[in-house]
Protein backbone atom coordinates (compact mmCIF):
# COMPACT_ATOMS: atom_id res chain seq x y z
CA UNK A 1 -0.02 -0.06 0.00
CA UNK A 2 2.52 2.55 -1.21
CA UNK A 3 -0.12 5.35 -1.47
CA UNK A 4 0.21 6.15 2.21
CA UNK A 5 2.55 5.19 5.07
CA UNK A 6 0.02 5.68 7.81
CA UNK A 7 -3.80 5.86 7.87
CA UNK A 8 -3.80 9.52 8.91
CA UNK A 9 -2.49 10.37 5.41
CA UNK A 10 -5.54 8.84 3.76
CA UNK A 11 -7.96 11.47 2.42
CA UNK A 12 -10.88 9.15 3.21
CA UNK A 13 -9.83 8.92 6.85
CA UNK A 14 -9.46 12.70 7.06
CA UNK A 15 -12.89 13.12 5.56
CA UNK A 16 -14.36 10.63 8.00
CA UNK A 17 -12.78 12.60 10.86
CA UNK A 18 -14.55 15.69 9.67
CA UNK A 19 -17.81 13.81 9.55
CA UNK A 20 -17.37 12.63 13.13
CA UNK A 21 -16.80 16.16 14.27
CA UNK A 22 -19.81 17.46 12.34
CA UNK A 23 -22.05 14.75 13.79
CA UNK A 24 -20.88 15.43 17.37
CA UNK A 25 -21.33 19.22 16.89
CA UNK A 26 -24.80 18.79 15.50
CA UNK A 27 -26.09 16.10 17.91
CA UNK A 28 -24.32 16.84 21.27
CA UNK A 29 -27.25 18.81 22.69
CA UNK A 30 -30.06 16.47 21.59
CA UNK A 31 -32.06 14.86 24.40
CA UNK A 32 -32.73 11.65 22.35
CA UNK A 33 -29.81 9.63 23.73
CA UNK A 34 -30.53 6.50 21.70
CA UNK A 35 -30.51 8.42 18.41
CA UNK A 36 -27.44 10.47 19.33
CA UNK A 37 -25.53 7.34 20.44
CA UNK A 38 -26.37 5.49 17.25
CA UNK A 39 -25.48 8.17 14.78
CA UNK A 40 -22.27 9.07 16.60
CA UNK A 41 -21.20 5.39 16.82
CA UNK A 42 -21.92 4.87 13.09
CA UNK A 43 -19.84 7.98 12.21
CA UNK A 44 -16.98 6.79 14.47
CA UNK A 45 -17.22 3.43 12.71
CA UNK A 46 -16.43 4.97 9.34
CA UNK A 47 -13.26 6.49 10.67
CA UNK A 48 -12.13 3.60 12.78
CA UNK A 49 -12.74 0.91 10.18
CA UNK A 50 -10.58 2.85 7.64
CA UNK A 51 -7.76 2.99 10.24
CA UNK A 52 -8.17 -0.59 11.37
CA UNK A 53 -8.21 -1.94 7.81
CA UNK A 54 -5.14 0.06 6.84
CA UNK A 55 -3.20 -1.34 9.75
CA UNK A 56 -4.02 -4.87 8.81
CA UNK A 57 -1.15 -4.47 6.34
CA UNK A 58 -2.73 -6.67 3.76
CA UNK A 59 -5.01 -5.85 0.80
CA UNK A 60 -7.76 -8.37 1.63
CA UNK A 61 -8.15 -7.10 5.24
CA UNK A 62 -8.09 -3.47 4.13
CA UNK A 63 -10.82 -4.05 1.52
CA UNK A 64 -12.93 -5.87 4.09
CA UNK A 65 -12.77 -2.94 6.56
CA UNK A 66 -13.25 -0.40 3.79
CA UNK A 67 -16.52 -2.06 2.93
CA UNK A 68 -17.60 -1.89 6.55
CA UNK A 69 -16.71 1.77 6.59
CA UNK A 70 -18.72 2.40 3.43
CA UNK A 71 -21.69 0.58 5.02
CA UNK A 72 -21.40 2.76 8.13
CA UNK A 73 -21.47 5.83 5.89
CA UNK A 74 -24.79 4.56 4.47
CA UNK A 75 -26.04 4.13 8.08
CA UNK A 76 -25.24 7.75 8.96
CA UNK A 77 -26.78 8.88 5.70
CA UNK A 78 -30.03 6.98 6.55
CA UNK A 79 -30.01 8.43 10.04
CA UNK A 80 -29.63 11.92 8.55
CA UNK A 81 -33.17 11.44 7.06
CA UNK A 82 -34.45 10.54 10.54
CA UNK A 83 -32.71 13.64 12.01
CA UNK A 84 -34.35 15.74 9.33
CA UNK A 85 -37.77 14.16 9.79
CA UNK A 86 -37.60 14.61 13.55
CA UNK A 87 -36.31 18.18 13.10
CA UNK A 88 -33.08 17.34 14.90
CA UNK A 89 -31.26 18.79 11.89
CA UNK A 90 -32.49 21.48 9.53
CA UNK A 91 -33.13 20.20 6.00
CA UNK A 92 -30.14 22.11 4.57
CA UNK A 93 -27.74 20.62 7.10
CA UNK A 94 -29.02 17.03 6.53
CA UNK A 95 -28.80 17.46 2.76
CA UNK A 96 -25.33 18.81 3.04
CA UNK A 97 -24.29 15.87 5.24
CA UNK A 98 -25.73 13.46 2.69
CA UNK A 99 -23.69 15.09 -0.06
CA UNK A 100 -20.46 14.69 2.00
CA UNK A 101 -21.37 11.11 2.89
CA UNK A 102 -22.08 10.23 -0.80
CA UNK A 103 -18.78 11.71 -1.85
CA UNK A 104 -16.93 9.77 0.88
CA UNK A 105 -18.71 6.49 -0.09
CA UNK A 106 -17.69 7.16 -3.70
CA UNK A 107 -14.05 7.57 -2.64
CA UNK A 108 -14.10 4.47 -0.53
CA UNK A 109 -15.63 2.48 -3.38
CA UNK A 110 -13.01 3.75 -5.77
CA UNK A 111 -10.18 2.72 -3.39
CA UNK A 112 -11.70 -0.78 -2.95
CA UNK A 113 -11.87 -1.22 -6.72
CA UNK A 114 -8.22 -0.01 -7.00
CA UNK A 115 -6.90 -2.52 -4.55
CA UNK A 116 -6.09 -5.79 -6.23
């Protein structure tokens, strides 16, 4: 994996870190603990699975964890609709979050396809 020497150098990990911070900022004051806990954990899962997969030091393991990270991005995206419907997030913020998540999922998918 010559494209990076550590997971922190990966653009997808950096993007996932921004998503975690955005989710925490937008949900930290919600009184719905179950919702907040779930969306925060799903966001963290994106970031952590990228890191864990990278440090497996083999392509098969990395691809496996990237797929989990991509699925977690879909979970956060789905939950953004709930957040919008319950008025936890304004429509503009939830739409913006979904754009960011779609772009991250596209990048993760491209990386999975590039790993042989």
